Amino acid sequence: MKIAIGNDHAGTEYKNTIVAYLEKEGHQVTNYGTNTNDSVDYPDFVHPVATDVENNAVDFGIIICGSGNGANMTANKHQKVRSALCWTKEITALARQHNDANILSIPARFTSEPQALEMVKTFLATPFEGGRHQLRVDKIACS
C-alpha cells in the first residue's frame, strides 16, 4: 500500500514510530512531515498529504498534530478527502466502515504512541462497508 504521512512538531515522534511500523510491513511511505520538534505550521505538511490522497497518488493518508483538529480541518478542504479525527481504535474502525475515511488524523497530545499505532493498524485493516453508507458518503462532497 502507498501511504502519505504528514505531521507538525507535536507529532514527530509518533510519525517516526508509525513510519517504522509501516515500512516494516512493506508499505511505501511518503513523508511530508517535519522531522524536528521545532514549531511549524501544520497546513504546510497536511496539504501535500491531502493532495496525494485527492489525486489517487496514495491509498491513504495519515496526519498528526497536537489536537488533530487543525490537521483534520485542513485536509478536509480537499474535495475528495474524508479525513477522520480519531482517538480510539473503535472510532477509527467506524470512520472506515461507515465514512470510507481516506485520511486518519491523530491527536498526538491526547493519545499515546501505542494507541496511535493501534489506530493506524485498525485504519488500514478495516474495509468500507458500502451499502447504505455509500449513499451518505456520496452526499459529503460539495461540487
C-alpha atoms as a PDB file:
ATOM      1  CA  MET A   1       0.000   0.000   0.000  1.00  0.00           C
ATOM      2  CA  LYS A   2       1.092   3.581  -0.629  1.00  0.00           C
ATOM      3  CA  ILE A   3       0.633   5.897   2.330  1.00  0.00           C
ATOM      4  CA  ALA A   4       1.398   9.607   2.713  1.00  0.00           C
ATOM      5  CA  ILE A   5       2.103  10.936   6.191  1.00  0.00           C
ATOM      6  CA  GLY A   6       2.395  14.481   7.479  1.00  0.00           C
ATOM      7  CA  ASN A   7       2.917  15.974  10.906  1.00  0.00           C
ATOM      8  CA  ASP A   8       3.765  19.131  12.756  1.00  0.00           C
ATOM      9  CA  HIS A   9       6.184  19.438  15.673  1.00  0.00           C
ATOM     10  CA  ALA A  10       3.753  17.765  18.105  1.00  0.00           C
ATOM     11  CA  GLY A  11       3.693  14.576  16.047  1.00  0.00           C
ATOM     12  CA  THR A  12       7.320  13.953  15.111  1.00  0.00           C
ATOM     13  CA  GLU A  13       7.922  11.019  17.464  1.00  0.00           C
ATOM     14  CA  TYR A  14       4.539   9.498  16.596  1.00  0.00           C
ATOM     15  CA  LYS A  15       5.330   9.820  12.901  1.00  0.00           C
ATOM     16  CA  ASN A  16       8.692   8.123  13.333  1.00  0.00           C
ATOM     17  CA  THR A  17       7.073   5.191  15.168  1.00  0.00           C
ATOM     18  CA  ILE A  18       4.311   4.871  12.572  1.00  0.00           C
ATOM     19  CA  VAL A  19       6.666   5.104   9.584  1.00  0.00           C
ATOM     20  CA  ALA A  20       8.948   2.429  11.060  1.00  0.00           C
ATOM     21  CA  TYR A  21       5.943   0.125  11.503  1.00  0.00           C
ATOM     22  CA  LEU A  22       4.557   0.799   8.020  1.00  0.00           C
ATOM     23  CA  GLU A  23       7.872   0.209   6.312  1.00  0.00           C
ATOM     24  CA  LYS A  24       8.431  -2.988   8.298  1.00  0.00           C
ATOM     25  CA  GLU A  25       5.031  -4.161   6.992  1.00  0.00           C
ATOM     26  CA  GLY A  26       6.138  -3.457   3.416  1.00  0.00           C
ATOM     27  CA  HIS A  27       4.150  -0.282   2.771  1.00  0.00           C
ATOM     28  CA  GLN A  28       5.562   2.527   0.657  1.00  0.00           C
ATOM     29  CA  VAL A  29       5.556   5.724   2.737  1.00  0.00           C
ATOM     30  CA  THR A  30       5.887   9.305   1.545  1.00  0.00           C
ATOM     31  CA  ASN A  31       6.915  11.507   4.460  1.00  0.00           C
ATOM     32  CA  TYR A  32       5.730  15.098   4.174  1.00  0.00           C
ATOM     33  CA  GLY A  33       6.098  15.781   7.891  1.00  0.00           C
ATOM     34  CA  THR A  34       8.658  17.754   9.794  1.00  0.00           C
ATOM     35  CA  ASN A  35      11.485  15.753  11.327  1.00  0.00           C
ATOM     36  CA  THR A  36      12.115  18.115  14.236  1.00  0.00           C
ATOM     37  CA  ASN A  37      10.303  19.352  17.323  1.00  0.00           C
ATOM     38  CA  ASP A  38      10.731  22.990  16.254  1.00  0.00           C
ATOM     39  CA  SER A  39       7.417  24.813  15.891  1.00  0.00           C
ATOM     40  CA  VAL A  40       5.991  24.669  12.355  1.00  0.00           C
ATOM     41  CA  ASP A  41       2.637  25.318  10.679  1.00  0.00           C
ATOM     42  CA  TYR A  42       0.656  22.085  10.198  1.00  0.00           C
ATOM     43  CA  PRO A  43      -1.035  23.135   6.907  1.00  0.00           C
ATOM     44  CA  ASP A  44       2.377  23.104   5.219  1.00  0.00           C
ATOM     45  CA  PHE A  45       2.627  19.364   5.960  1.00  0.00           C
ATOM     46  CA  VAL A  46      -1.031  18.371   5.656  1.00  0.00           C
ATOM     47  CA  HIS A  47      -1.880  19.845   2.246  1.00  0.00           C
ATOM     48  CA  PRO A  48       0.655  17.619   0.418  1.00  0.00           C
ATOM     49  CA  VAL A  49      -0.828  14.514   2.085  1.00  0.00           C
ATOM     50  CA  ALA A  50      -4.365  15.553   1.170  1.00  0.00           C
ATOM     51  CA  THR A  51      -3.304  16.372  -2.388  1.00  0.00           C
ATOM     52  CA  ASP A  52      -1.785  12.905  -2.793  1.00  0.00           C
ATOM     53  CA  VAL A  53      -4.999  11.300  -1.496  1.00  0.00           C
ATOM     54  CA  GLU A  54      -7.170  13.538  -3.670  1.00  0.00           C
ATOM     55  CA  ASN A  55      -5.134  12.679  -6.777  1.00  0.00           C
ATOM     56  CA  ASN A  56      -5.063   8.928  -6.006  1.00  0.00           C
ATOM     57  CA  ALA A  57      -1.252   9.016  -5.780  1.00  0.00           C
ATOM     58  CA  VAL A  58      -1.560   7.093  -2.491  1.00  0.00           C
ATOM     59  CA  ASP A  59      -4.088   4.717  -0.987  1.00  0.00           C
ATOM     60  CA  PHE A  60      -4.374   6.509   2.371  1.00  0.00           C
ATOM     61  CA  GLY A  61      -3.046   9.436   4.361  1.00  0.00           C
ATOM     62  CA  ILE A  62      -2.101   9.838   8.000  1.00  0.00           C
ATOM     63  CA  ILE A  63      -1.781  13.276   9.591  1.00  0.00           C
ATOM     64  CA  ILE A  64      -0.691  14.171  13.099  1.00  0.00           C
ATOM     65  CA  CYS A  65      -0.801  17.389  15.093  1.00  0.00           C
ATOM     66  CA  GLY A  66      -1.323  18.292  18.741  1.00  0.00           C
ATOM     67  CA  SER A  67      -5.129  18.143  18.863  1.00  0.00           C
ATOM     68  CA  GLY A  68      -5.667  16.577  15.454  1.00  0.00           C
ATOM     69  CA  ASN A  69      -8.273  19.252  14.753  1.00  0.00           C
ATOM     70  CA  GLY A  70      -6.235  21.726  12.725  1.00  0.00           C
ATOM     71  CA  ALA A  71      -4.750  18.991  10.568  1.00  0.00           C
ATOM     72  CA  ASN A  72      -8.182  17.421  10.094  1.00  0.00           C
ATOM     73  CA  MET A  73      -9.824  20.714   9.089  1.00  0.00           C
ATOM     74  CA  THR A  74      -7.007  21.426   6.647  1.00  0.00           C
ATOM     75  CA  ALA A  75      -7.227  18.009   4.993  1.00  0.00           C
ATOM     76  CA  ASN A  76     -10.993  18.198   4.640  1.00  0.00           C
ATOM     77  CA  LYS A  77     -10.706  21.332   2.493  1.00  0.00           C
ATOM     78  CA  HIS A  78      -9.781  18.976  -0.356  1.00  0.00           C
ATOM     79  CA  GLN A  79     -12.817  17.738  -2.278  1.00  0.00           C
ATOM     80  CA  LYS A  80     -12.033  14.025  -2.442  1.00  0.00           C
ATOM     81  CA  VAL A  81     -10.735  13.775   1.114  1.00  0.00           C
ATOM     82  CA  ARG A  82     -12.653  12.280   4.014  1.00  0.00           C
ATOM     83  CA  SER A  83     -10.332  12.842   6.944  1.00  0.00           C
ATOM     84  CA  ALA A  84     -11.405  11.471  10.319  1.00  0.00           C
ATOM     85  CA  LEU A  85     -10.158  12.734  13.663  1.00  0.00           C
ATOM     86  CA  CYS A  86      -9.845   9.611  15.805  1.00  0.00           C
ATOM     87  CA  TRP A  87      -8.670   8.948  19.340  1.00  0.00           C
ATOM     88  CA  THR A  88      -9.577   5.262  19.781  1.00  0.00           C
ATOM     89  CA  LYS A  89      -9.353   2.236  17.518  1.00  0.00           C
ATOM     90  CA  GLU A  90     -13.144   1.808  17.786  1.00  0.00           C
ATOM     91  CA  ILE A  91     -13.773   5.282  16.358  1.00  0.00           C
ATOM     92  CA  THR A  92     -11.145   4.579  13.727  1.00  0.00           C
ATOM     93  CA  ALA A  93     -12.935   1.384  12.657  1.00  0.00           C
ATOM     94  CA  LEU A  94     -16.253   3.235  12.353  1.00  0.00           C
ATOM     95  CA  ALA A  95     -14.628   6.011  10.328  1.00  0.00           C
ATOM     96  CA  ARG A  96     -13.502   3.415   7.788  1.00  0.00           C
ATOM     97  CA  GLN A  97     -16.628   1.202   7.910  1.00  0.00           C
ATOM     98  CA  HIS A  98     -19.249   3.944   7.751  1.00  0.00           C
ATOM     99  CA  ASN A  99     -17.500   7.006   6.295  1.00  0.00           C
ATOM    100  CA  ASP A 100     -14.886   5.479   3.965  1.00  0.00           C
ATOM    101  CA  ALA A 101     -12.304   7.759   5.598  1.00  0.00           C
ATOM    102  CA  ASN A 102      -9.175   8.023   3.484  1.00  0.00           C
ATOM    103  CA  ILE A 103      -7.093  10.065   5.934  1.00  0.00           C
ATOM    104  CA  LEU A 104      -6.585   9.320   9.609  1.00  0.00           C
ATOM    105  CA  SER A 105      -5.999  12.388  11.797  1.00  0.00           C
ATOM    106  CA  ILE A 106      -4.248  11.605  15.075  1.00  0.00           C
ATOM    107  CA  PRO A 107      -4.215  13.953  18.106  1.00  0.00           C
ATOM    108  CA  ALA A 108      -0.693  13.457  19.489  1.00  0.00           C
ATOM    109  CA  ARG A 109      -1.384  15.302  22.735  1.00  0.00           C
ATOM    110  CA  PHE A 110      -4.444  13.191  23.528  1.00  0.00           C
ATOM    111  CA  THR A 111      -3.331   9.673  22.580  1.00  0.00           C
ATOM    112  CA  SER A 112      -0.304   7.593  23.458  1.00  0.00           C
ATOM    113  CA  GLU A 113       2.056   6.291  20.776  1.00  0.00           C
ATOM    114  CA  PRO A 114       0.795   2.704  21.303  1.00  0.00           C
ATOM    115  CA  GLN A 115      -2.817   3.933  20.882  1.00  0.00           C
ATOM    116  CA  ALA A 116      -1.862   5.808  17.720  1.00  0.00           C
ATOM    117  CA  LEU A 117      -0.184   2.719  16.296  1.00  0.00           C
ATOM    118  CA  GLU A 118      -3.272   0.609  17.055  1.00  0.00           C
ATOM    119  CA  MET A 119      -5.397   3.206  15.260  1.00  0.00           C
ATOM    120  CA  VAL A 120      -3.142   3.026  12.211  1.00  0.00           C
ATOM    121  CA  LYS A 121      -3.363  -0.779  12.169  1.00  0.00           C
ATOM    122  CA  THR A 122      -7.161  -0.604  12.505  1.00  0.00           C
ATOM    123  CA  PHE A 123      -7.449   2.091   9.824  1.00  0.00           C
ATOM    124  CA  LEU A 124      -5.508   0.061   7.270  1.00  0.00           C
ATOM    125  CA  ALA A 125      -7.212  -3.243   8.069  1.00  0.00           C
ATOM    126  CA  THR A 126     -10.831  -2.070   8.158  1.00  0.00           C
ATOM    127  CA  PRO A 127     -12.799  -2.074   4.906  1.00  0.00           C
ATOM    128  CA  PHE A 128     -15.586   0.318   3.967  1.00  0.00           C
ATOM    129  CA  GLU A 129     -18.952  -1.427   4.344  1.00  0.00           C
ATOM    130  CA  GLY A 130     -20.637   0.360   1.453  1.00  0.00           C
ATOM    131  CA  GLY A 131     -24.378  -0.274   1.184  1.00  0.00           C
ATOM    132  CA  ARG A 132     -26.456   2.342   2.966  1.00  0.00           C
ATOM    133  CA  HIS A 133     -23.247   4.105   3.982  1.00  0.00           C
ATOM    134  CA  GLN A 134     -22.292   4.721   0.331  1.00  0.00           C
ATOM    135  CA  LEU A 135     -25.354   6.930  -0.145  1.00  0.00           C
ATOM    136  CA  ARG A 136     -24.270   9.069   2.800  1.00  0.00           C
ATOM    137  CA  VAL A 137     -20.650   9.250   1.704  1.00  0.00           C
ATOM    138  CA  ASP A 138     -21.786  10.372  -1.756  1.00  0.00           C
ATOM    139  CA  LYS A 139     -23.559  13.323  -0.119  1.00  0.00           C
ATOM    140  CA  ILE A 140     -20.439  14.559   1.713  1.00  0.00           C
ATOM    141  CA  ALA A 141     -18.658  16.219  -1.222  1.00  0.00           C
ATOM    142  CA  CYS A 142     -19.858  19.602  -2.482  1.00  0.00           C
ATOM    143  CA  SER A 143     -19.363  20.306  -6.148  1.00  0.00           C
END
